[in-house]
Protein backbone atom coordinates (compact mmCIF):
# COMPACT_ATOMS: atom_id res chain seq x y z
CA MET A 1 19.67 3.88 -18.13
CA ALA A 2 18.95 2.13 -14.54
CA ASP A 3 16.77 -1.21 -16.20
CA GLU A 4 19.40 -1.63 -18.82
CA ALA A 5 22.23 -1.35 -16.09
CA GLN A 6 19.75 -3.89 -13.94
CA SER A 7 19.32 -6.41 -17.09
CA ALA A 8 23.12 -6.24 -18.00
CA ASN A 9 24.09 -6.65 -14.68
CA GLN A 10 21.75 -10.03 -14.56
CA GLY A 11 23.58 -10.70 -18.20
CA ASP A 12 20.49 -11.16 -19.02
CA ASN A 13 19.66 -8.54 -22.55
CA SER A 14 15.90 -9.69 -22.76
CA GLY A 15 14.22 -6.98 -20.96
CA LYS A 16 13.64 -9.10 -18.98
CA ALA A 17 14.59 -7.43 -15.42
CA ILE A 18 14.18 -7.26 -10.98
CA ILE A 19 14.69 -3.66 -10.15
CA PRO A 20 14.49 -3.26 -5.67
CA GLN A 21 13.23 -0.01 -5.40
CA LYS A 22 12.10 0.52 -2.13
CA VAL A 23 12.68 -1.71 1.42
CA TYR A 24 10.83 -0.27 4.39
CA LEU A 25 9.14 -1.37 7.37
CA LYS A 26 5.12 -1.73 6.94
CA ASP A 27 4.50 -2.56 10.44
CA VAL A 28 6.04 -3.53 13.55
CA SER A 29 4.73 -4.98 16.73
CA LEU A 30 6.04 -6.01 20.14
CA GLU A 31 3.36 -7.74 22.88
CA THR A 32 4.64 -8.97 26.03
CA PRO A 33 2.08 -9.91 27.64
CA SER A 34 3.69 -11.88 30.72
CA SER A 35 5.96 -8.73 31.43
CA PRO A 36 6.90 -8.41 34.31
CA GLY A 37 6.95 -11.76 36.04
CA ILE A 38 8.68 -12.93 32.83
CA PHE A 39 11.87 -11.33 33.65
CA THR A 40 11.95 -13.24 36.91
CA ARG A 41 11.41 -16.76 36.20
CA GLU A 42 14.50 -18.29 34.15
CA TRP A 43 14.34 -18.49 30.52
CA GLN A 44 14.39 -21.55 29.22
CA PRO A 45 12.23 -20.12 25.73
CA ASN A 46 10.32 -22.02 23.24
CA LEU A 47 9.59 -20.47 20.11
CA SER A 48 7.96 -20.46 17.96
CA ILE A 49 7.60 -18.82 13.90
CA GLU A 50 5.40 -18.30 10.93
CA ILE A 51 6.12 -16.23 7.26
CA ASP A 52 3.87 -15.11 5.47
CA ASN A 53 3.80 -12.69 2.24
CA GLN A 54 1.60 -11.58 -0.05
CA THR A 55 1.86 -8.87 -3.57
CA SER A 56 0.04 -6.75 -4.52
CA SER A 57 0.59 -4.45 -7.93
CA VAL A 58 1.46 -1.37 -7.72
CA ALA A 59 1.90 0.13 -11.28
CA GLU A 60 1.96 -0.90 -14.13
CA ASP A 61 6.06 -3.66 -13.86
CA THR A 62 5.08 -2.37 -10.13
CA TYR A 63 4.85 -4.19 -6.71
CA GLU A 64 4.71 -4.22 -3.22
CA THR A 65 5.51 -7.58 -1.34
CA VAL A 66 4.77 -7.38 2.74
CA LEU A 67 6.94 -10.05 4.22
CA THR A 68 5.46 -11.55 7.15
CA VAL A 69 7.72 -12.74 10.10
CA THR A 70 5.70 -13.47 13.28
CA ALA A 71 8.05 -14.82 16.11
CA THR A 72 6.31 -15.87 19.62
CA VAL A 73 8.58 -17.31 23.03
CA LYS A 74 6.71 -19.05 25.77
CA VAL A 75 7.96 -20.21 28.91
CA GLY A 76 6.35 -22.60 29.91
CA GLU A 77 3.15 -21.85 29.72
CA ALA A 78 3.75 -18.13 30.13
CA THR A 79 4.06 -16.24 25.97
CA ALA A 80 6.48 -13.91 27.26
CA PHE A 81 7.15 -11.79 24.06
CA LEU A 82 5.08 -12.18 20.75
CA ALA A 83 6.64 -10.35 17.86
CA GLU A 84 5.61 -9.54 14.58
CA VAL A 85 7.22 -7.89 11.10
CA HIS A 86 6.15 -6.91 7.98
CA GLN A 87 9.52 -5.66 6.03
CA ALA A 88 8.50 -4.38 2.86
CA GLY A 89 9.73 -3.51 -0.54
CA ILE A 90 8.53 -2.33 -3.79
CA PHE A 91 10.31 -4.17 -6.95
CA THR A 92 10.16 -2.95 -11.04
CA ILE A 93 9.59 -6.58 -11.98
CA ARG A 94 9.33 -6.72 -16.76
CA GLY A 95 9.40 -9.27 -19.04
CA PHE A 96 8.34 -12.46 -17.27
CA ASP A 97 5.19 -14.81 -17.49
CA PRO A 98 3.06 -15.46 -14.68
CA GLU A 99 4.26 -17.69 -13.80
CA PRO A 100 7.80 -17.35 -13.30
CA LEU A 101 6.68 -13.65 -11.85
CA GLN A 102 4.79 -15.76 -9.15
CA ARG A 103 8.66 -17.83 -8.62
CA LEU A 104 9.54 -13.41 -8.82
CA HIS A 105 7.66 -12.64 -6.53
CA ASN A 106 7.38 -15.65 -3.97
CA VAL A 107 11.04 -16.98 -3.33
CA ASP A 108 13.55 -14.13 -4.73
CA CYS A 109 12.14 -10.57 -3.33
CA LEU A 110 11.59 -12.82 -0.08
CA ARG A 111 15.55 -13.43 -0.48
CA LEU A 112 15.68 -9.93 -0.50
CA LEU A 113 13.43 -8.62 2.16
CA TYR A 114 14.08 -11.42 4.87
CA PRO A 115 17.49 -10.37 6.53
CA TYR A 116 16.10 -6.95 6.63
CA ALA A 117 12.82 -8.61 8.66
CA SER A 118 15.70 -10.51 10.23
CA ALA A 119 17.63 -6.76 11.98
CA ALA A 120 14.05 -5.79 12.04
CA LEU A 121 12.48 -8.58 14.62
CA SER A 122 15.60 -9.43 16.54
CA ASP A 123 16.03 -5.22 17.47
CA LEU A 124 12.91 -4.99 18.06
CA VAL A 125 12.81 -8.11 20.67
CA THR A 126 16.29 -6.64 22.44
CA ARG A 127 14.38 -3.37 22.57
CA GLY A 128 11.59 -5.00 25.11
CA GLY A 129 14.10 -6.76 26.92
CA PHE A 130 14.46 -10.22 25.72
CA PRO A 131 17.55 -12.06 24.60
CA GLN A 132 18.77 -11.74 20.80
CA LEU A 133 17.19 -13.50 18.87
CA VAL A 134 18.94 -14.70 15.43
CA LEU A 135 16.87 -16.22 13.36
CA ALA A 136 18.17 -19.71 10.81
CA PRO A 137 18.25 -18.27 7.57
CA MET A 138 15.17 -19.91 4.98
CA ASN A 139 15.23 -21.55 2.68
CA PHE A 140 12.15 -19.70 0.22
CA GLU A 141 12.31 -21.65 -2.48
CA ALA A 142 11.19 -24.82 -0.53
CA LEU A 143 9.33 -23.28 0.79
CA TYR A 144 7.65 -22.29 -2.35
CA GLU A 145 8.13 -25.32 -3.92
CA LYS A 146 5.67 -26.82 -1.08
CA ARG A 147 3.03 -24.48 -0.89
CA LEU A 148 2.91 -25.22 -4.52
CA GLN A 149 2.58 -28.73 -3.94
CA GLN A 150 0.11 -28.44 -0.92
CA ALA A 151 -2.40 -25.78 -2.79
CA PRO A 152 -3.37 -29.06 -5.72
CA ALA A 153 -4.44 -30.84 -2.38
CA ASP A 154 -6.08 -27.96 -0.78
CA SER A 155 -8.04 -27.60 -3.38
CA ALA A 156 -8.98 -31.15 -3.60
CA GLN A 157 -10.27 -31.78 -0.16
CA HIS A 158 -12.65 -27.58 -1.14
């Protein structure tokens, strides 16, 4: 019934569905290697963000997608903090061929997880005593396309 509702909500009667089942924090980490001294320095941060993701099958038509967001902030040469969030979701996805399924994992699932990861990262950094960290929106479609273009080049080099 929920599947039919999801397909109907998407205006899709072909049996295709993507249904988020659960969103949760899988892992979080905050390192402040230069504390307490970093708190006495003038705050002129240099932010570096890294994004990664993994998907694994949980059951038939059910997948876990994990979005990893790592933020490293340096002040001068000193690392103020390194914060990492593994935001996960369980998704039921059915009715898609392998190529569209891969796109769903790398674009649509990540779009859903990113706001949760961003909020968790900001909360973690703030609790660590640092100014709020607000991440810019992420274009997962463009990141996926870039990854697809790099894949043939990477395999040609090996």
